[in-house]
Amino acid sequence: MVVYSGQNAIDYLVDRADAPNPGMSSHWRKYHSSFRFTGNGFKGLQGFGGSRPPSRGVRLIFERYLQRKFRRIGDQWSGFVEIDRLAQLMTRKQDRAYDIDVLRQVLTLAFLGRHVPGDAGQMETVCVIGDGFGTMASLLLGAELAKQVVVVNLTKTLLVDLWYLRLCLGDEPFESDVELVTGDTAPEMDPPVILKYFEDLRGSAGSGGLLFYCCNREEKRLPDGTVTRFSEYPWLETDQILVDELCPWHQQYYTFRPPFYRSYDGPIRHRLVNLSKNSGSYSNHAPTIHD
């Protein structure tokens, strides 16, 4: 294990961006196929959120209008307004649109602020698996909801995370506070990797368990034909489920052309659960089928 700080972390990821990764899922082989770092930005960003320029003028007014149905969901949580304000500041620093991908992250964080048991205050450590453009990490740090944020991602996507996190934090805090720890774990999200993530999370849980928020399609077919199902993740019967429902802000997205609201490719479920540290019986069968 080697630790790189600040710009050295970005340089390391740039050098490793095109290194072969035999374990990469077919999903990320597809969406990373056109990825390219240009030296002062990126091209071919696909599969983990939008990065278009900020909306302005009439387009901005129309986008805010389209976001109203999602913002009404956030109005029920007291923390939404402050996190929304931070997201506007963040996207201005990063020179990108405050789009539906950013708004979903804001809603998620406000939701967690309402539903995490007790007075969470500033949490010691939060792990974000598969952040997009460093959005969740930036919001957690900006809102001072976490003292430390650990971001786990594929090499190319992690490079994007750190690049945009630096734009948000500024050069000096990025150099002093951001460290990259090399390792083999990455969010491939093939079934064996999902199982490994759950095992690692349970291994790090204390005696009272570990709070885990998961949001994904109920059923997803990867480009190689592998099917993963949310219900067949390696949940244990001893896990304490706090929230389990279709995610209200994750069923539709908006576009600037009619029909303006469109459904995602299948229903998306989210679950907030206190993962049990103890081993026990799985509440389902194997987490995949091939056909």
Protein backbone atom coordinates (compact mmCIF):
# COMPACT_ATOMS: atom_id res chain seq x y z
CA MET A 1 0.00 0.00 0.00
CA VAL A 2 1.31 3.43 -1.02
CA VAL A 3 -0.09 6.85 -0.11
CA TYR A 4 -0.06 9.82 -2.51
CA SER A 5 -1.10 13.34 -1.54
CA GLY A 6 -2.63 16.20 -3.54
CA GLN A 7 -1.26 16.61 -7.06
CA ASN A 8 0.84 13.47 -6.66
CA ALA A 9 -2.41 11.51 -6.30
CA ILE A 10 -3.71 12.94 -9.59
CA ASP A 11 -0.38 12.26 -11.33
CA TYR A 12 -0.47 8.66 -10.14
CA LEU A 13 -3.99 8.13 -11.46
CA VAL A 14 -3.12 9.75 -14.81
CA ASP A 15 -0.20 7.35 -15.19
CA ARG A 16 -2.43 4.39 -14.33
CA ALA A 17 -5.53 5.45 -16.29
CA ASP A 18 -4.86 3.22 -19.28
CA ALA A 19 -3.44 0.26 -17.36
CA PRO A 20 -5.32 -3.01 -18.05
CA ASN A 21 -7.87 -4.02 -15.45
CA PRO A 22 -8.89 -7.65 -16.09
CA GLY A 23 -11.54 -7.59 -13.36
CA MET A 24 -13.43 -4.61 -14.80
CA SER A 25 -17.12 -5.30 -15.37
CA SER A 26 -18.60 -5.18 -18.85
CA HIS A 27 -20.52 -2.04 -17.83
CA TRP A 28 -17.35 -0.05 -17.21
CA ARG A 29 -15.48 -1.55 -20.17
CA LYS A 30 -18.25 -0.04 -22.29
CA TYR A 31 -18.46 3.38 -20.62
CA HIS A 32 -14.72 3.88 -20.18
CA SER A 33 -13.91 2.95 -23.76
CA SER A 34 -13.73 6.57 -24.96
CA PHE A 35 -12.35 8.11 -21.75
CA ARG A 36 -9.40 10.45 -22.25
CA PHE A 37 -7.55 12.88 -19.98
CA THR A 38 -6.46 15.93 -21.98
CA GLY A 39 -4.10 17.47 -19.43
CA ASN A 40 -6.56 20.14 -18.33
CA GLY A 41 -9.83 18.21 -18.43
CA PHE A 42 -11.54 15.13 -19.82
CA LYS A 43 -13.26 13.78 -22.89
CA GLY A 44 -15.52 10.77 -23.27
CA LEU A 45 -17.05 10.93 -19.78
CA GLN A 46 -19.90 8.42 -19.72
CA GLY A 47 -21.79 6.34 -17.22
CA PHE A 48 -21.45 8.33 -14.00
CA GLY A 49 -23.32 11.62 -14.39
CA GLY A 50 -23.35 14.76 -16.47
CA SER A 51 -20.65 17.38 -16.88
CA ARG A 52 -22.17 19.88 -19.28
CA PRO A 53 -21.53 23.63 -18.90
CA PRO A 54 -23.80 25.64 -16.57
CA SER A 55 -27.25 26.54 -17.83
CA ARG A 56 -27.76 30.26 -18.38
CA GLY A 57 -30.55 32.66 -19.28
CA VAL A 58 -33.80 31.09 -20.48
CA ARG A 59 -32.30 27.59 -20.31
CA LEU A 60 -31.48 28.08 -16.62
CA ILE A 61 -35.03 29.30 -15.89
CA PHE A 62 -36.47 26.30 -17.72
CA GLU A 63 -34.14 23.87 -15.92
CA ARG A 64 -35.14 25.26 -12.53
CA TYR A 65 -38.77 24.83 -13.58
CA LEU A 66 -38.15 21.19 -14.52
CA GLN A 67 -36.45 20.60 -11.17
CA ARG A 68 -39.48 21.77 -9.18
CA LYS A 69 -41.05 18.31 -8.84
CA PHE A 70 -37.81 16.97 -7.33
CA ARG A 71 -37.21 19.99 -5.11
CA ARG A 72 -40.68 19.57 -3.60
CA ILE A 73 -39.46 16.22 -2.27
CA GLY A 74 -36.52 17.97 -0.58
CA ASP A 75 -38.73 20.59 1.04
CA GLN A 76 -39.82 18.04 3.66
CA TRP A 77 -36.29 17.84 5.12
CA SER A 78 -34.83 20.70 7.12
CA GLY A 79 -31.29 20.22 5.78
CA PHE A 80 -32.22 20.42 2.11
CA VAL A 81 -31.97 24.21 1.71
CA GLU A 82 -28.43 24.42 3.13
CA ILE A 83 -27.14 21.46 1.11
CA ASP A 84 -28.81 22.90 -1.99
CA ARG A 85 -26.97 26.18 -1.41
CA LEU A 86 -23.66 24.33 -1.06
CA ALA A 87 -24.34 22.43 -4.29
CA GLN A 88 -24.91 25.69 -6.16
CA LEU A 89 -21.59 27.03 -4.86
CA MET A 90 -19.83 23.74 -5.68
CA THR A 91 -21.04 23.62 -9.28
CA ARG A 92 -20.06 27.27 -9.83
CA LYS A 93 -16.51 26.49 -8.70
CA GLN A 94 -16.45 23.43 -10.95
CA ASP A 95 -18.00 25.33 -13.90
CA ARG A 96 -20.64 22.68 -14.53
CA ALA A 97 -24.42 22.59 -14.53
CA TYR A 98 -26.43 22.04 -11.40
CA ASP A 99 -28.28 19.25 -13.17
CA ILE A 100 -30.45 16.31 -12.11
CA ASP A 101 -27.38 14.24 -11.18
CA VAL A 102 -26.26 16.87 -8.66
CA LEU A 103 -29.80 17.38 -7.38
CA ARG A 104 -30.16 13.64 -6.72
CA GLN A 105 -27.05 13.74 -4.54
CA VAL A 106 -28.41 16.74 -2.64
CA LEU A 107 -31.71 14.95 -2.04
CA THR A 108 -29.90 11.82 -0.92
CA LEU A 109 -27.84 13.70 1.65
CA ALA A 110 -30.88 15.60 2.96
CA PHE A 111 -32.79 12.32 3.19
CA LEU A 112 -29.98 10.71 5.17
CA GLY A 113 -29.82 13.71 7.48
CA ARG A 114 -33.47 13.10 8.30
CA HIS A 115 -33.38 9.31 8.60
CA VAL A 116 -30.01 8.47 10.19
CA PRO A 117 -30.88 7.47 13.78
CA GLY A 118 -30.13 9.94 16.56
CA ASP A 119 -28.15 13.15 16.21
CA ALA A 120 -25.41 12.19 13.77
CA GLY A 121 -23.67 15.57 14.01
CA GLN A 122 -20.30 15.39 12.28
CA MET A 123 -19.59 11.76 11.53
CA GLU A 124 -16.05 10.52 11.94
CA THR A 125 -15.72 8.67 8.62
CA VAL A 126 -18.03 8.24 5.63
CA CYS A 127 -17.18 5.93 2.73
CA VAL A 128 -18.62 6.81 -0.70
CA ILE A 129 -18.49 3.93 -3.18
CA GLY A 130 -18.76 5.18 -6.74
CA ASP A 131 -19.00 8.95 -6.34
CA GLY A 132 -19.54 10.91 -9.57
CA PHE A 133 -17.41 14.05 -10.09
CA GLY A 134 -16.64 14.05 -6.36
CA THR A 135 -20.14 15.44 -5.74
CA MET A 136 -21.07 13.55 -2.59
CA ALA A 137 -17.58 13.93 -1.11
CA SER A 138 -17.64 17.68 -1.77
CA LEU A 139 -21.08 18.05 -0.16
CA LEU A 140 -20.17 15.97 2.89
CA LEU A 141 -17.06 18.04 3.50
CA GLY A 142 -18.69 21.36 2.63
CA ALA A 143 -21.60 20.74 5.01
CA GLU A 144 -19.14 19.50 7.67
CA LEU A 145 -21.13 16.29 8.02
CA ALA A 146 -17.99 14.16 8.01
CA LYS A 147 -14.48 14.65 9.36
CA GLN A 148 -13.10 12.20 6.82
CA VAL A 149 -14.48 10.98 3.50
CA VAL A 150 -13.15 7.85 1.82
CA VAL A 151 -13.94 7.65 -1.91
CA VAL A 152 -13.68 4.25 -3.60
CA ASN A 153 -13.76 4.14 -7.38
CA LEU A 154 -12.22 2.81 -10.56
CA THR A 155 -8.96 4.46 -11.59
CA LYS A 156 -10.37 6.63 -14.38
CA THR A 157 -13.48 7.65 -12.46
CA LEU A 158 -11.48 8.32 -9.30
CA LEU A 159 -9.24 10.63 -11.32
CA VAL A 160 -12.36 12.60 -12.29
CA ASP A 161 -13.53 12.61 -8.65
CA LEU A 162 -10.24 14.09 -7.43
CA TRP A 163 -10.06 16.61 -10.27
CA TYR A 164 -13.49 18.03 -9.45
CA LEU A 165 -12.90 17.77 -5.71
CA ARG A 166 -9.85 20.01 -6.15
CA LEU A 167 -11.93 22.54 -8.08
CA CYS A 168 -14.35 22.63 -5.15
CA LEU A 169 -11.87 22.63 -2.25
CA GLY A 170 -9.18 24.84 -3.81
CA ASP A 171 -5.52 23.99 -4.40
CA GLU A 172 -4.18 24.51 -0.88
CA PRO A 173 -6.74 22.37 1.02
CA PHE A 174 -6.51 19.73 -1.70
CA GLU A 175 -2.73 19.49 -1.30
CA SER A 176 -2.87 19.29 2.48
CA ASP A 177 -6.00 17.24 3.11
CA VAL A 178 -6.45 14.77 0.22
CA GLU A 179 -4.62 11.46 0.14
CA LEU A 180 -4.82 8.53 -2.26
CA VAL A 181 -4.29 5.06 -0.83
CA THR A 182 -3.59 2.53 -3.58
CA GLY A 183 -5.35 -0.81 -3.50
CA ASP A 184 -7.20 -3.35 -5.58
CA THR A 185 -10.79 -2.63 -4.55
CA ALA A 186 -13.00 -0.79 -7.04
CA PRO A 187 -16.77 -0.56 -7.65
CA GLU A 188 -17.01 -3.04 -10.52
CA MET A 189 -20.41 -4.19 -9.23
CA ASP A 190 -20.31 -7.67 -10.69
CA PRO A 191 -21.86 -10.12 -8.17
CA PRO A 192 -18.57 -11.44 -6.71
CA VAL A 193 -17.40 -7.88 -6.10
CA ILE A 194 -20.73 -6.94 -4.50
CA LEU A 195 -20.27 -9.86 -2.11
CA LYS A 196 -16.71 -8.73 -1.31
CA TYR A 197 -17.92 -5.20 -0.55
CA PHE A 198 -20.52 -6.48 1.87
CA GLU A 199 -17.96 -8.72 3.58
CA ASP A 200 -15.53 -5.79 3.95
CA LEU A 201 -18.25 -3.51 5.31
CA ARG A 202 -19.38 -6.09 7.83
CA GLY A 203 -15.77 -6.67 8.83
CA SER A 204 -15.36 -2.98 9.66
CA ALA A 205 -18.64 -2.71 11.59
CA GLY A 206 -18.60 -2.18 15.32
CA SER A 207 -20.64 -4.16 17.80
CA GLY A 208 -23.65 -2.01 17.00
CA GLY A 209 -23.36 -2.58 13.26
CA LEU A 210 -22.62 -0.17 10.42
CA LEU A 211 -25.02 2.23 8.69
CA PHE A 212 -25.15 1.58 4.96
CA TYR A 213 -27.16 3.38 2.28
CA CYS A 214 -27.61 1.60 -1.05
CA CYS A 215 -29.42 2.87 -4.15
CA ASN A 216 -29.60 0.93 -7.41
CA ARG A 217 -31.93 -0.52 -10.01
CA GLU A 218 -33.99 -3.44 -8.74
CA GLU A 219 -32.68 -5.47 -11.65
CA LYS A 220 -29.80 -4.61 -13.93
CA ARG A 221 -28.51 -6.47 -16.98
CA LEU A 222 -24.85 -5.76 -17.68
CA PRO A 223 -23.57 -5.64 -21.28
CA ASP A 224 -22.13 -9.18 -20.99
CA GLY A 225 -25.55 -10.60 -20.01
CA THR A 226 -24.96 -10.81 -16.26
CA VAL A 227 -28.07 -9.91 -14.27
CA THR A 228 -27.83 -8.40 -10.79
CA ARG A 229 -30.81 -7.92 -8.50
CA PHE A 230 -31.06 -5.57 -5.54
CA SER A 231 -33.06 -8.11 -3.53
CA GLU A 232 -30.34 -10.70 -4.05
CA TYR A 233 -27.48 -8.67 -2.66
CA PRO A 234 -25.94 -10.49 0.32
CA TRP A 235 -28.23 -9.02 2.97
CA LEU A 236 -28.41 -10.91 6.25
CA GLU A 237 -31.51 -11.71 8.25
CA THR A 238 -29.84 -9.97 11.20
CA ASP A 239 -29.57 -6.65 9.32
CA GLN A 240 -31.81 -3.89 10.68
CA ILE A 241 -33.65 -2.24 7.78
CA LEU A 242 -34.55 1.39 8.52
CA VAL A 243 -35.89 2.44 5.11
CA ASP A 244 -36.65 0.24 2.10
CA GLU A 245 -38.67 1.67 -0.79
CA LEU A 246 -38.55 2.83 -4.38
CA CYS A 247 -36.42 5.98 -4.29
CA PRO A 248 -38.86 8.89 -4.84
CA TRP A 249 -36.36 11.12 -6.69
CA HIS A 250 -34.79 8.36 -8.71
CA GLN A 251 -37.64 7.08 -10.87
CA GLN A 252 -37.59 9.82 -13.52
CA TYR A 253 -35.21 12.36 -14.99
CA TYR A 254 -35.86 15.47 -17.05
CA THR A 255 -34.74 16.49 -20.52
CA PHE A 256 -35.04 19.73 -22.46
CA ARG A 257 -37.15 18.09 -25.18
CA PRO A 258 -40.62 16.54 -24.91
CA PRO A 259 -41.53 14.37 -23.21
CA PHE A 260 -39.72 16.41 -20.55
CA TYR A 261 -39.88 13.69 -17.87
CA ARG A 262 -38.77 10.19 -18.69
CA SER A 263 -38.47 7.02 -16.64
CA TYR A 264 -35.19 5.31 -15.93
CA ASP A 265 -34.53 1.86 -17.32
CA GLY A 266 -36.39 0.02 -14.58
CA PRO A 267 -37.46 0.95 -11.03
CA ILE A 268 -34.73 2.12 -8.65
CA ARG A 269 -34.80 1.10 -4.98
CA HIS A 270 -32.96 2.55 -2.04
CA ARG A 271 -32.35 1.04 1.37
CA LEU A 272 -30.91 2.42 4.59
CA VAL A 273 -29.79 -0.45 6.75
CA ASN A 274 -27.73 -1.13 9.82
CA LEU A 275 -25.51 -3.94 8.58
CA SER A 276 -24.98 -6.68 11.11
CA LYS A 277 -21.39 -7.49 11.98
CA ASN A 278 -22.27 -11.02 12.93
CA SER A 279 -22.43 -13.77 10.35
CA GLY A 280 -25.83 -15.30 9.77
CA SER A 281 -28.20 -16.66 7.18
CA TYR A 282 -28.50 -14.80 3.92
CA SER A 283 -32.00 -13.52 3.27
CA ASN A 284 -31.78 -14.59 -0.37
CA HIS A 285 -29.97 -16.82 -2.78
CA ALA A 286 -26.94 -16.22 -4.97
CA PRO A 287 -26.82 -12.59 -6.19
CA THR A 288 -26.80 -13.31 -9.94
CA ILE A 289 -27.95 -15.40 -12.85
CA HIS A 290 -26.48 -15.80 -16.32
CA ASP A 291 -28.61 -16.44 -19.36
